[in-house]
């Protein structure tokens, strides 16, 4: 097999769900399903949902993750007692078709040449800046989530959406739409949500599992971050910084709620949280409305994402990061 197809700069074939179904349909298919590093609800939910769909068709499916084995604690509950996410080398990888879900680039999915995982590679994603890095690329930048894309594949395969399939896909849908609040939430997102609820998902139970049960230390950490928030550009840009000292003194770890709280501020067009992580700073950026494309801001530091939600990691200090974001927002005013 030629390796030039695996060069992330060489775009592969753009395909529809029917073509993906053709590739996945043959009986006894050996498949490896994976997703991006630092998985979120859509990444893990889409990987698990697609795996259950394919296993339901009788396929031999391995779930693999570059940071595996396993999933982060906040997502591990989605795995059944007989399900595992493996890491490291896969013994029979050369026999496996590879399906990546929700990874905008191959580098987000693996440190190595993706062909080391098997091939050919099917790239299923909804990031608008995906460079079509797989051999076969089912990419729709208008879709709300990769979970929505997986439902298209299930339909093309003629596979039933069981309650076991519906749960992880609903988690992907609800988290990647910001509880159906982001600009990416089209009518189709609600149509898919209705189908998943009809298949047995309990929305209230999912909400409690995903958004409630927050440790007290995390509440204190969010409080510290919000108390120190800064307003820039006459309130158009709201930023909070979370240091290692904040984490220690609050006794919490998870500051995910901060950026959404900042985004809700009246007049805020862009919200950002700058979090100290392993000697660097991890930055989450969110936009309200359509005035600013935050993925373009993240790209300045080698990051990426969506128009309304993106992220990057920087070695600059927080003041320099704030200046970079501020200048980039002003530059988009033109």
C-alpha atoms as a PDB file:
ATOM      1  CA  UNK A   1       0.000   0.000   0.000  1.00  0.00           C
ATOM      2  CA  UNK A   2       1.363   3.413  -0.937  1.00  0.00           C
ATOM      3  CA  UNK A   3       2.122   5.615   2.043  1.00  0.00           C
ATOM      4  CA  UNK A   4       1.565   8.875   0.222  1.00  0.00           C
ATOM      5  CA  UNK A   5      -2.136   8.650   1.015  1.00  0.00           C
ATOM      6  CA  UNK A   6      -1.298   8.886   4.709  1.00  0.00           C
ATOM      7  CA  UNK A   7       0.466  12.210   4.373  1.00  0.00           C
ATOM      8  CA  UNK A   8      -1.907  14.569   6.220  1.00  0.00           C
ATOM      9  CA  UNK A   9      -1.348  17.122   3.449  1.00  0.00           C
ATOM     10  CA  UNK A  10      -2.566  14.758   0.726  1.00  0.00           C
ATOM     11  CA  UNK A  11      -6.342  14.831   0.664  1.00  0.00           C
ATOM     12  CA  UNK A  12      -8.143  11.552   0.088  1.00  0.00           C
ATOM     13  CA  UNK A  13     -11.535  10.862  -1.430  1.00  0.00           C
ATOM     14  CA  UNK A  14     -14.617  12.663  -0.157  1.00  0.00           C
ATOM     15  CA  UNK A  15     -17.467  10.195   0.240  1.00  0.00           C
ATOM     16  CA  UNK A  16     -21.028   9.974   1.501  1.00  0.00           C
ATOM     17  CA  UNK A  17     -22.451   7.689   4.172  1.00  0.00           C
ATOM     18  CA  UNK A  18     -23.481   5.134   1.525  1.00  0.00           C
ATOM     19  CA  UNK A  19     -19.854   4.623   0.443  1.00  0.00           C
ATOM     20  CA  UNK A  20     -18.737   4.258   4.066  1.00  0.00           C
ATOM     21  CA  UNK A  21     -21.486   1.677   4.552  1.00  0.00           C
ATOM     22  CA  UNK A  22     -20.253  -0.247   1.495  1.00  0.00           C
ATOM     23  CA  UNK A  23     -16.772  -0.391   2.991  1.00  0.00           C
ATOM     24  CA  UNK A  24     -18.068  -1.483   6.407  1.00  0.00           C
ATOM     25  CA  UNK A  25     -20.825  -3.856   5.292  1.00  0.00           C
ATOM     26  CA  UNK A  26     -18.980  -7.048   4.216  1.00  0.00           C
ATOM     27  CA  UNK A  27     -19.527  -9.840   6.784  1.00  0.00           C
ATOM     28  CA  UNK A  28     -16.728 -10.553   9.256  1.00  0.00           C
ATOM     29  CA  UNK A  29     -14.993  -7.221   8.716  1.00  0.00           C
ATOM     30  CA  UNK A  30     -12.062  -6.559  11.068  1.00  0.00           C
ATOM     31  CA  UNK A  31     -12.237  -2.915  12.140  1.00  0.00           C
ATOM     32  CA  UNK A  32     -10.286  -0.604  14.444  1.00  0.00           C
ATOM     33  CA  UNK A  33     -12.306   2.394  15.703  1.00  0.00           C
ATOM     34  CA  UNK A  34     -10.507   5.350  17.255  1.00  0.00           C
ATOM     35  CA  UNK A  35     -10.846   9.051  18.066  1.00  0.00           C
ATOM     36  CA  UNK A  36      -8.804  12.097  19.038  1.00  0.00           C
ATOM     37  CA  UNK A  37      -6.566  12.557  22.069  1.00  0.00           C
ATOM     38  CA  UNK A  38      -8.072  14.207  25.171  1.00  0.00           C
ATOM     39  CA  UNK A  39     -11.464  12.799  24.161  1.00  0.00           C
ATOM     40  CA  UNK A  40     -14.665  14.705  24.916  1.00  0.00           C
ATOM     41  CA  UNK A  41     -18.220  13.369  25.019  1.00  0.00           C
ATOM     42  CA  UNK A  42     -18.628  13.411  21.239  1.00  0.00           C
ATOM     43  CA  UNK A  43     -15.300  11.666  20.635  1.00  0.00           C
ATOM     44  CA  UNK A  44     -15.895   8.865  23.139  1.00  0.00           C
ATOM     45  CA  UNK A  45     -19.626   8.622  22.456  1.00  0.00           C
ATOM     46  CA  UNK A  46     -19.160   8.362  18.692  1.00  0.00           C
ATOM     47  CA  UNK A  47     -16.391   5.767  19.041  1.00  0.00           C
ATOM     48  CA  UNK A  48     -18.438   3.608  21.413  1.00  0.00           C
ATOM     49  CA  UNK A  49     -21.692   4.055  19.464  1.00  0.00           C
ATOM     50  CA  UNK A  50     -20.085   3.117  16.136  1.00  0.00           C
ATOM     51  CA  UNK A  51     -18.333   0.130  17.741  1.00  0.00           C
ATOM     52  CA  UNK A  52     -21.654  -1.184  19.087  1.00  0.00           C
ATOM     53  CA  UNK A  53     -23.279  -0.710  15.669  1.00  0.00           C
ATOM     54  CA  UNK A  54     -20.515  -2.685  13.935  1.00  0.00           C
ATOM     55  CA  UNK A  55     -20.429  -5.417  16.577  1.00  0.00           C
ATOM     56  CA  UNK A  56     -24.186  -5.693  16.156  1.00  0.00           C
ATOM     57  CA  UNK A  57     -23.476  -6.566  12.510  1.00  0.00           C
ATOM     58  CA  UNK A  58     -21.147  -9.344  13.637  1.00  0.00           C
ATOM     59  CA  UNK A  59     -17.882  -7.522  12.958  1.00  0.00           C
ATOM     60  CA  UNK A  60     -14.637  -7.976  14.918  1.00  0.00           C
ATOM     61  CA  UNK A  61     -14.066  -4.484  16.317  1.00  0.00           C
ATOM     62  CA  UNK A  62     -11.228  -3.110  18.448  1.00  0.00           C
ATOM     63  CA  UNK A  63     -11.524   0.298  20.124  1.00  0.00           C
ATOM     64  CA  UNK A  64      -8.073   1.899  20.238  1.00  0.00           C
ATOM     65  CA  UNK A  65      -6.888   5.206  21.674  1.00  0.00           C
ATOM     66  CA  UNK A  66      -3.489   6.893  21.547  1.00  0.00           C
ATOM     67  CA  UNK A  67      -3.746   7.654  25.290  1.00  0.00           C
ATOM     68  CA  UNK A  68      -5.210   4.230  26.096  1.00  0.00           C
ATOM     69  CA  UNK A  69      -5.826   1.822  27.584  1.00  0.00           C
ATOM     70  CA  UNK A  70      -9.160   3.007  28.936  1.00  0.00           C
ATOM     71  CA  UNK A  71     -10.879   6.381  28.859  1.00  0.00           C
ATOM     72  CA  UNK A  72     -10.778   9.360  31.258  1.00  0.00           C
ATOM     73  CA  UNK A  73     -12.870   8.855  34.410  1.00  0.00           C
ATOM     74  CA  UNK A  74     -15.597  11.258  33.289  1.00  0.00           C
ATOM     75  CA  UNK A  75     -16.229   9.160  30.156  1.00  0.00           C
ATOM     76  CA  UNK A  76     -15.384   5.633  31.303  1.00  0.00           C
ATOM     77  CA  UNK A  77     -18.963   5.127  32.541  1.00  0.00           C
ATOM     78  CA  UNK A  78     -20.060   4.903  28.893  1.00  0.00           C
ATOM     79  CA  UNK A  79     -18.183   1.610  28.504  1.00  0.00           C
ATOM     80  CA  UNK A  80     -20.025  -1.614  29.270  1.00  0.00           C
ATOM     81  CA  UNK A  81     -18.459  -4.205  31.622  1.00  0.00           C
ATOM     82  CA  UNK A  82     -17.331  -6.283  28.626  1.00  0.00           C
ATOM     83  CA  UNK A  83     -15.974  -3.339  26.607  1.00  0.00           C
ATOM     84  CA  UNK A  84     -12.392  -2.092  26.549  1.00  0.00           C
ATOM     85  CA  UNK A  85     -10.398   0.653  24.879  1.00  0.00           C
ATOM     86  CA  UNK A  86      -6.897  -0.600  24.139  1.00  0.00           C
ATOM     87  CA  UNK A  87      -3.663   1.364  23.711  1.00  0.00           C
ATOM     88  CA  UNK A  88      -0.266   0.535  22.310  1.00  0.00           C
ATOM     89  CA  UNK A  89       0.425  -1.802  19.379  1.00  0.00           C
ATOM     90  CA  UNK A  90      -2.476  -3.751  17.856  1.00  0.00           C
ATOM     91  CA  UNK A  91      -1.283  -7.223  16.899  1.00  0.00           C
ATOM     92  CA  UNK A  92      -3.379  -7.803  13.752  1.00  0.00           C
ATOM     93  CA  UNK A  93      -3.563  -4.145  12.697  1.00  0.00           C
ATOM     94  CA  UNK A  94      -2.670  -4.821   9.064  1.00  0.00           C
ATOM     95  CA  UNK A  95      -5.924  -6.797   8.700  1.00  0.00           C
ATOM     96  CA  UNK A  96      -8.093  -4.000  10.061  1.00  0.00           C
ATOM     97  CA  UNK A  97     -10.017  -1.239   8.357  1.00  0.00           C
ATOM     98  CA  UNK A  98      -9.442   1.899  10.449  1.00  0.00           C
ATOM     99  CA  UNK A  99     -12.310   4.265  11.280  1.00  0.00           C
ATOM    100  CA  UNK A 100     -11.462   7.542  13.009  1.00  0.00           C
ATOM    101  CA  UNK A 101     -14.303   9.630  14.429  1.00  0.00           C
ATOM    102  CA  UNK A 102     -14.150  13.313  15.421  1.00  0.00           C
ATOM    103  CA  UNK A 103     -10.410  13.806  14.687  1.00  0.00           C
ATOM    104  CA  UNK A 104      -9.811  16.924  12.588  1.00  0.00           C
ATOM    105  CA  UNK A 105      -6.258  15.826  11.733  1.00  0.00           C
ATOM    106  CA  UNK A 106      -4.305  12.573  11.909  1.00  0.00           C
ATOM    107  CA  UNK A 107      -1.991  14.212  14.458  1.00  0.00           C
ATOM    108  CA  UNK A 108      -4.958  14.625  16.814  1.00  0.00           C
ATOM    109  CA  UNK A 109      -5.472  10.858  16.602  1.00  0.00           C
ATOM    110  CA  UNK A 110      -1.972   9.326  16.687  1.00  0.00           C
ATOM    111  CA  UNK A 111       1.670  10.288  17.138  1.00  0.00           C
ATOM    112  CA  UNK A 112       2.683   7.921  14.338  1.00  0.00           C
ATOM    113  CA  UNK A 113       1.855   7.431  10.695  1.00  0.00           C
ATOM    114  CA  UNK A 114      -1.832   6.417  10.789  1.00  0.00           C
ATOM    115  CA  UNK A 115      -1.040   3.466   8.498  1.00  0.00           C
ATOM    116  CA  UNK A 116       0.621   1.814  11.523  1.00  0.00           C
ATOM    117  CA  UNK A 117      -2.932   1.193  12.802  1.00  0.00           C
ATOM    118  CA  UNK A 118      -4.100  -0.577   9.635  1.00  0.00           C
ATOM    119  CA  UNK A 119      -5.854   0.584   6.541  1.00  0.00           C
ATOM    120  CA  UNK A 120      -7.434   1.898   4.538  1.00  0.00           C
ATOM    121  CA  UNK A 121      -8.570   4.739   6.801  1.00  0.00           C
ATOM    122  CA  UNK A 122     -12.127   6.119   6.979  1.00  0.00           C
ATOM    123  CA  UNK A 123     -12.212   9.623   8.460  1.00  0.00           C
ATOM    124  CA  UNK A 124     -15.659  10.544   9.897  1.00  0.00           C
ATOM    125  CA  UNK A 125     -15.780  14.084  11.241  1.00  0.00           C
ATOM    126  CA  UNK A 126     -17.682  17.378  11.459  1.00  0.00           C
ATOM    127  CA  UNK A 127     -14.809  19.886  11.833  1.00  0.00           C
ATOM    128  CA  UNK A 128     -15.031  22.410   9.004  1.00  0.00           C
ATOM    129  CA  UNK A 129     -11.236  22.635   8.692  1.00  0.00           C
ATOM    130  CA  UNK A 130     -10.647  18.876   8.307  1.00  0.00           C
ATOM    131  CA  UNK A 131      -8.118  18.486   5.439  1.00  0.00           C
ATOM    132  CA  UNK A 132      -9.635  15.141   4.315  1.00  0.00           C
ATOM    133  CA  UNK A 133      -6.670  13.239   5.732  1.00  0.00           C
ATOM    134  CA  UNK A 134      -8.120   9.732   5.413  1.00  0.00           C
ATOM    135  CA  UNK A 135      -8.363   7.512   2.336  1.00  0.00           C
ATOM    136  CA  UNK A 136     -12.154   7.933   2.561  1.00  0.00           C
ATOM    137  CA  UNK A 137     -13.531  11.094   4.165  1.00  0.00           C
ATOM    138  CA  UNK A 138     -17.105  11.490   5.396  1.00  0.00           C
ATOM    139  CA  UNK A 139     -16.834  15.079   6.620  1.00  0.00           C
ATOM    140  CA  UNK A 140     -19.654  17.597   7.053  1.00  0.00           C
ATOM    141  CA  UNK A 141     -18.716  20.900   8.677  1.00  0.00           C
ATOM    142  CA  UNK A 142     -22.413  21.768   9.010  1.00  0.00           C
ATOM    143  CA  UNK A 143     -23.209  18.724  11.171  1.00  0.00           C
ATOM    144  CA  UNK A 144     -23.706  19.359  14.882  1.00  0.00           C
ATOM    145  CA  UNK A 145     -21.490  16.516  16.044  1.00  0.00           C
ATOM    146  CA  UNK A 146     -19.699  13.372  14.971  1.00  0.00           C
ATOM    147  CA  UNK A 147     -22.481  11.472  16.736  1.00  0.00           C
ATOM    148  CA  UNK A 148     -24.882  12.871  14.130  1.00  0.00           C
ATOM    149  CA  UNK A 149     -22.511  11.577  11.420  1.00  0.00           C
ATOM    150  CA  UNK A 150     -22.425   8.100  13.004  1.00  0.00           C
ATOM    151  CA  UNK A 151     -26.229   7.978  12.864  1.00  0.00           C
ATOM    152  CA  UNK A 152     -25.989   8.631   9.096  1.00  0.00           C
ATOM    153  CA  UNK A 153     -23.629   5.674   8.765  1.00  0.00           C
ATOM    154  CA  UNK A 154     -25.939   3.458  10.844  1.00  0.00           C
ATOM    155  CA  UNK A 155     -28.842   4.375   8.570  1.00  0.00           C
ATOM    156  CA  UNK A 156     -26.783   3.659   5.446  1.00  0.00           C
ATOM    157  CA  UNK A 157     -25.854   0.259   6.915  1.00  0.00           C
ATOM    158  CA  UNK A 158     -29.498  -0.442   7.729  1.00  0.00           C
ATOM    159  CA  UNK A 159     -28.441  -0.959  11.358  1.00  0.00           C
ATOM    160  CA  UNK A 160     -30.916  -0.604  14.206  1.00  0.00           C
ATOM    161  CA  UNK A 161     -30.292   2.166  16.741  1.00  0.00           C
ATOM    162  CA  UNK A 162     -30.651   0.174  19.955  1.00  0.00           C
ATOM    163  CA  UNK A 163     -30.755   1.764  23.407  1.00  0.00           C
ATOM    164  CA  UNK A 164     -27.113   0.663  23.907  1.00  0.00           C
ATOM    165  CA  UNK A 165     -26.114   2.464  20.705  1.00  0.00           C
ATOM    166  CA  UNK A 166     -28.306   5.499  21.405  1.00  0.00           C
ATOM    167  CA  UNK A 167     -26.891   6.373  24.852  1.00  0.00           C
ATOM    168  CA  UNK A 168     -23.269   7.191  23.881  1.00  0.00           C
ATOM    169  CA  UNK A 169     -24.429   8.941  20.707  1.00  0.00           C
ATOM    170  CA  UNK A 170     -26.838  11.113  22.715  1.00  0.00           C
ATOM    171  CA  UNK A 171     -24.013  12.048  25.085  1.00  0.00           C
ATOM    172  CA  UNK A 172     -21.958  13.058  22.031  1.00  0.00           C
ATOM    173  CA  UNK A 173     -24.823  15.085  20.620  1.00  0.00           C
ATOM    174  CA  UNK A 174     -25.753  16.907  23.826  1.00  0.00           C
ATOM    175  CA  UNK A 175     -22.162  17.787  24.775  1.00  0.00           C
ATOM    176  CA  UNK A 176     -20.997  18.931  21.331  1.00  0.00           C
ATOM    177  CA  UNK A 177     -24.036  21.166  20.849  1.00  0.00           C
ATOM    178  CA  UNK A 178     -23.575  22.729  24.307  1.00  0.00           C
ATOM    179  CA  UNK A 179     -26.933  21.245  25.354  1.00  0.00           C
ATOM    180  CA  UNK A 180     -28.381  22.309  21.967  1.00  0.00           C
ATOM    181  CA  UNK A 181     -27.245  25.916  22.388  1.00  0.00           C
ATOM    182  CA  UNK A 182     -24.413  26.345  19.861  1.00  0.00           C
ATOM    183  CA  UNK A 183     -24.807  27.785  16.373  1.00  0.00           C
ATOM    184  CA  UNK A 184     -24.066  24.310  14.964  1.00  0.00           C
ATOM    185  CA  UNK A 185     -27.378  23.040  16.381  1.00  0.00           C
ATOM    186  CA  UNK A 186     -29.475  22.576  13.264  1.00  0.00           C
ATOM    187  CA  UNK A 187     -32.883  20.966  12.882  1.00  0.00           C
ATOM    188  CA  UNK A 188     -31.157  17.654  12.152  1.00  0.00           C
ATOM    189  CA  UNK A 189     -29.577  17.651  15.611  1.00  0.00           C
ATOM    190  CA  UNK A 190     -33.041  17.716  17.156  1.00  0.00           C
ATOM    191  CA  UNK A 191     -34.324  15.072  14.747  1.00  0.00           C
ATOM    192  CA  UNK A 192     -31.448  12.787  15.743  1.00  0.00           C
ATOM    193  CA  UNK A 193     -32.009  13.573  19.439  1.00  0.00           C
ATOM    194  CA  UNK A 194     -35.665  12.562  19.095  1.00  0.00           C
ATOM    195  CA  UNK A 195     -34.678   9.267  17.454  1.00  0.00           C
ATOM    196  CA  UNK A 196     -32.174   8.507  20.217  1.00  0.00           C
ATOM    197  CA  UNK A 197     -34.775   9.301  22.904  1.00  0.00           C
ATOM    198  CA  UNK A 198     -37.263   7.048  21.094  1.00  0.00           C
ATOM    199  CA  UNK A 199     -34.587   4.327  21.206  1.00  0.00           C
ATOM    200  CA  UNK A 200     -34.531   4.508  24.999  1.00  0.00           C
ATOM    201  CA  UNK A 201     -32.320   7.404  26.115  1.00  0.00           C
ATOM    202  CA  UNK A 202     -33.449   9.181  29.311  1.00  0.00           C
ATOM    203  CA  UNK A 203     -32.429  12.850  28.757  1.00  0.00           C
ATOM    204  CA  UNK A 204     -32.797  13.798  32.437  1.00  0.00           C
ATOM    205  CA  UNK A 205     -30.605  10.886  33.532  1.00  0.00           C
ATOM    206  CA  UNK A 206     -27.952  11.812  30.971  1.00  0.00           C
ATOM    207  CA  UNK A 207     -28.055  15.447  32.120  1.00  0.00           C
ATOM    208  CA  UNK A 208     -27.526  14.422  35.748  1.00  0.00           C
ATOM    209  CA  UNK A 209     -24.691  12.056  34.819  1.00  0.00           C
ATOM    210  CA  UNK A 210     -22.873  14.523  32.564  1.00  0.00           C
ATOM    211  CA  UNK A 211     -23.540  17.920  34.127  1.00  0.00           C
ATOM    212  CA  UNK A 212     -24.376  17.322  37.792  1.00  0.00           C
ATOM    213  CA  UNK A 213     -22.665  15.447  40.608  1.00  0.00           C
ATOM    214  CA  UNK A 214     -19.883  18.055  40.466  1.00  0.00           C
ATOM    215  CA  UNK A 215     -17.250  17.654  43.244  1.00  0.00           C
ATOM    216  CA  UNK A 216     -17.259  20.532  45.735  1.00  0.00           C
ATOM    217  CA  UNK A 217     -13.611  21.306  44.945  1.00  0.00           C
ATOM    218  CA  UNK A 218     -14.486  21.827  41.282  1.00  0.00           C
ATOM    219  CA  UNK A 219     -17.240  24.283  42.257  1.00  0.00           C
ATOM    220  CA  UNK A 220     -14.673  26.204  44.346  1.00  0.00           C
ATOM    221  CA  UNK A 221     -12.212  26.143  41.413  1.00  0.00           C
ATOM    222  CA  UNK A 222     -14.810  27.565  39.032  1.00  0.00           C
ATOM    223  CA  UNK A 223     -15.620  30.210  41.653  1.00  0.00           C
ATOM    224  CA  UNK A 224     -11.973  31.261  41.927  1.00  0.00           C
ATOM    225  CA  UNK A 225     -11.652  31.504  38.149  1.00  0.00           C
ATOM    226  CA  UNK A 226     -14.830  33.562  37.751  1.00  0.00           C
ATOM    227  CA  UNK A 227     -13.876  35.878  40.630  1.00  0.00           C
ATOM    228  CA  UNK A 228     -10.620  36.724  38.841  1.00  0.00           C
ATOM    229  CA  UNK A 229     -12.126  37.115  35.357  1.00  0.00           C
ATOM    230  CA  UNK A 230     -10.944  40.052  33.233  1.00  0.00           C
ATOM    231  CA  UNK A 231     -12.900  42.140  30.755  1.00  0.00           C
ATOM    232  CA  UNK A 232     -11.113  43.330  27.599  1.00  0.00           C
ATOM    233  CA  UNK A 233     -12.198  45.323  24.537  1.00  0.00           C
ATOM    234  CA  UNK A 234     -14.984  47.029  26.483  1.00  0.00           C
ATOM    235  CA  UNK A 235     -16.545  43.725  27.450  1.00  0.00           C
ATOM    236  CA  UNK A 236     -16.374  42.002  24.054  1.00  0.00           C
ATOM    237  CA  UNK A 237     -13.681  39.647  25.389  1.00  0.00           C
ATOM    238  CA  UNK A 238     -13.901  37.992  28.823  1.00  0.00           C
ATOM    239  CA  UNK A 239     -10.933  35.952  30.062  1.00  0.00           C
ATOM    240  CA  UNK A 240     -10.099  33.901  33.156  1.00  0.00           C
ATOM    241  CA  UNK A 241      -6.767  32.377  34.147  1.00  0.00           C
ATOM    242  CA  UNK A 242      -6.560  29.135  36.165  1.00  0.00           C
ATOM    243  CA  UNK A 243      -3.171  28.464  37.776  1.00  0.00           C
ATOM    244  CA  UNK A 244      -1.750  25.422  39.543  1.00  0.00           C
ATOM    245  CA  UNK A 245      -2.110  27.402  42.783  1.00  0.00           C
ATOM    246  CA  UNK A 246      -5.858  27.839  42.100  1.00  0.00           C
ATOM    247  CA  UNK A 247      -6.211  24.084  41.609  1.00  0.00           C
ATOM    248  CA  UNK A 248      -4.338  23.331  44.839  1.00  0.00           C
ATOM    249  CA  UNK A 249      -6.186  25.886  46.967  1.00  0.00           C
ATOM    250  CA  UNK A 250      -9.644  25.019  45.631  1.00  0.00           C
ATOM    251  CA  UNK A 251      -9.070  21.284  45.974  1.00  0.00           C
ATOM    252  CA  UNK A 252     -10.613  20.664  42.554  1.00  0.00           C
ATOM    253  CA  UNK A 253      -9.421  19.670  39.090  1.00  0.00           C
ATOM    254  CA  UNK A 254     -12.138  20.339  36.552  1.00  0.00           C
ATOM    255  CA  UNK A 255     -12.576  23.930  35.346  1.00  0.00           C
ATOM    256  CA  UNK A 256     -14.674  23.066  32.278  1.00  0.00           C
ATOM    257  CA  UNK A 257     -17.662  25.115  33.420  1.00  0.00           C
ATOM    258  CA  UNK A 258     -15.722  28.376  33.458  1.00  0.00           C
ATOM    259  CA  UNK A 259     -15.634  29.155  29.744  1.00  0.00           C
ATOM    260  CA  UNK A 260     -19.389  28.638  29.289  1.00  0.00           C
ATOM    261  CA  UNK A 261     -20.123  30.892  32.268  1.00  0.00           C
ATOM    262  CA  UNK A 262     -17.920  33.617  30.759  1.00  0.00           C
ATOM    263  CA  UNK A 263     -19.572  33.226  27.350  1.00  0.00           C
ATOM    264  CA  UNK A 264     -22.913  34.035  28.978  1.00  0.00           C
ATOM    265  CA  UNK A 265     -21.785  37.523  30.064  1.00  0.00           C
ATOM    266  CA  UNK A 266     -23.828  40.329  28.459  1.00  0.00           C
ATOM    267  CA  UNK A 267     -21.927  41.833  25.544  1.00  0.00           C
ATOM    268  CA  UNK A 268     -19.288  39.092  25.428  1.00  0.00           C
ATOM    269  CA  UNK A 269     -18.437  38.023  21.885  1.00  0.00           C
ATOM    270  CA  UNK A 270     -15.486  35.832  22.892  1.00  0.00           C
ATOM    271  CA  UNK A 271     -14.693  34.010  26.154  1.00  0.00           C
ATOM    272  CA  UNK A 272     -11.401  32.310  26.981  1.00  0.00           C
ATOM    273  CA  UNK A 273      -9.978  30.263  29.840  1.00  0.00           C
ATOM    274  CA  UNK A 274      -6.192  29.998  30.162  1.00  0.00           C
ATOM    275  CA  UNK A 275      -5.321  26.935  32.258  1.00  0.00           C
ATOM    276  CA  UNK A 276      -1.860  26.020  33.522  1.00  0.00           C
ATOM    277  CA  UNK A 277      -1.027  22.422  32.517  1.00  0.00           C
ATOM    278  CA  UNK A 278       2.390  20.737  32.802  1.00  0.00           C
ATOM    279  CA  UNK A 279       4.430  23.902  32.443  1.00  0.00           C
ATOM    280  CA  UNK A 280       2.394  25.264  29.536  1.00  0.00           C
ATOM    281  CA  UNK A 281      -0.998  26.950  29.187  1.00  0.00           C
ATOM    282  CA  UNK A 282      -4.022  25.240  27.642  1.00  0.00           C
ATOM    283  CA  UNK A 283      -6.505  27.732  26.228  1.00  0.00           C
ATOM    284  CA  UNK A 284     -10.211  27.142  25.541  1.00  0.00           C
ATOM    285  CA  UNK A 285     -11.936  29.797  23.439  1.00  0.00           C
ATOM    286  CA  UNK A 286     -15.679  30.187  22.803  1.00  0.00           C
ATOM    287  CA  UNK A 287     -17.646  32.634  20.680  1.00  0.00           C
ATOM    288  CA  UNK A 288     -21.152  34.005  21.086  1.00  0.00           C
ATOM    289  CA  UNK A 289     -22.859  34.696  17.784  1.00  0.00           C
ATOM    290  CA  UNK A 290     -21.173  34.762  14.384  1.00  0.00           C
ATOM    291  CA  UNK A 291     -18.952  37.838  14.679  1.00  0.00           C
ATOM    292  CA  UNK A 292     -15.707  36.017  15.549  1.00  0.00           C
ATOM    293  CA  UNK A 293     -14.261  32.712  14.263  1.00  0.00           C
ATOM    294  CA  UNK A 294     -12.332  31.375  17.266  1.00  0.00           C
ATOM    295  CA  UNK A 295     -10.879  28.449  15.286  1.00  0.00           C
ATOM    296  CA  UNK A 296      -8.856  31.033  13.332  1.00  0.00           C
ATOM    297  CA  UNK A 297      -7.536  32.417  16.628  1.00  0.00           C
ATOM    298  CA  UNK A 298      -6.571  28.924  17.845  1.00  0.00           C
ATOM    299  CA  UNK A 299      -4.811  28.235  14.529  1.00  0.00           C
ATOM    300  CA  UNK A 300      -2.370  31.086  15.268  1.00  0.00           C
ATOM    301  CA  UNK A 301      -0.836  28.883  17.973  1.00  0.00           C
ATOM    302  CA  UNK A 302      -1.189  25.553  16.159  1.00  0.00           C
ATOM    303  CA  UNK A 303      -4.582  24.693  17.612  1.00  0.00           C
ATOM    304  CA  UNK A 304      -7.997  24.374  15.996  1.00  0.00           C
ATOM    305  CA  UNK A 305     -11.649  23.518  16.414  1.00  0.00           C
ATOM    306  CA  UNK A 306     -14.923  25.058  15.331  1.00  0.00           C
ATOM    307  CA  UNK A 307     -15.976  28.639  14.590  1.00  0.00           C
ATOM    308  CA  UNK A 308     -17.674  28.848  17.991  1.00  0.00           C
ATOM    309  CA  UNK A 309     -15.425  26.571  20.075  1.00  0.00           C
ATOM    310  CA  UNK A 310     -11.698  25.980  19.748  1.00  0.00           C
ATOM    311  CA  UNK A 311      -8.525  25.470  21.720  1.00  0.00           C
ATOM    312  CA  UNK A 312      -4.739  25.578  21.694  1.00  0.00           C
ATOM    313  CA  UNK A 313      -1.695  25.093  23.917  1.00  0.00           C
ATOM    314  CA  UNK A 314       0.901  27.850  24.325  1.00  0.00           C
ATOM    315  CA  UNK A 315       4.280  28.369  25.973  1.00  0.00           C
ATOM    316  CA  UNK A 316       3.632  32.124  26.215  1.00  0.00           C
ATOM    317  CA  UNK A 317       2.685  33.638  29.562  1.00  0.00           C
ATOM    318  CA  UNK A 318      -0.986  34.499  30.248  1.00  0.00           C
ATOM    319  CA  UNK A 319      -0.565  38.226  29.535  1.00  0.00           C
ATOM    320  CA  UNK A 320       0.968  37.442  26.143  1.00  0.00           C
ATOM    321  CA  UNK A 321      -1.814  34.955  25.388  1.00  0.00           C
ATOM    322  CA  UNK A 322      -4.451  37.556  26.301  1.00  0.00           C
ATOM    323  CA  UNK A 323      -2.734  40.076  24.004  1.00  0.00           C
ATOM    324  CA  UNK A 324      -2.670  37.520  21.179  1.00  0.00           C
ATOM    325  CA  UNK A 325      -6.397  36.788  21.542  1.00  0.00           C
ATOM    326  CA  UNK A 326      -7.284  40.481  21.885  1.00  0.00           C
ATOM    327  CA  UNK A 327      -5.304  41.406  18.754  1.00  0.00           C
ATOM    328  CA  UNK A 328      -6.851  38.512  16.815  1.00  0.00           C
ATOM    329  CA  UNK A 329     -10.395  39.575  17.741  1.00  0.00           C
ATOM    330  CA  UNK A 330      -9.655  43.139  16.621  1.00  0.00           C
ATOM    331  CA  UNK A 331      -8.081  41.841  13.393  1.00  0.00           C
ATOM    332  CA  UNK A 332     -11.342  40.069  12.530  1.00  0.00           C
ATOM    333  CA  UNK A 333     -13.318  43.291  12.900  1.00  0.00           C
ATOM    334  CA  UNK A 334     -12.232  44.396   9.422  1.00  0.00           C
END
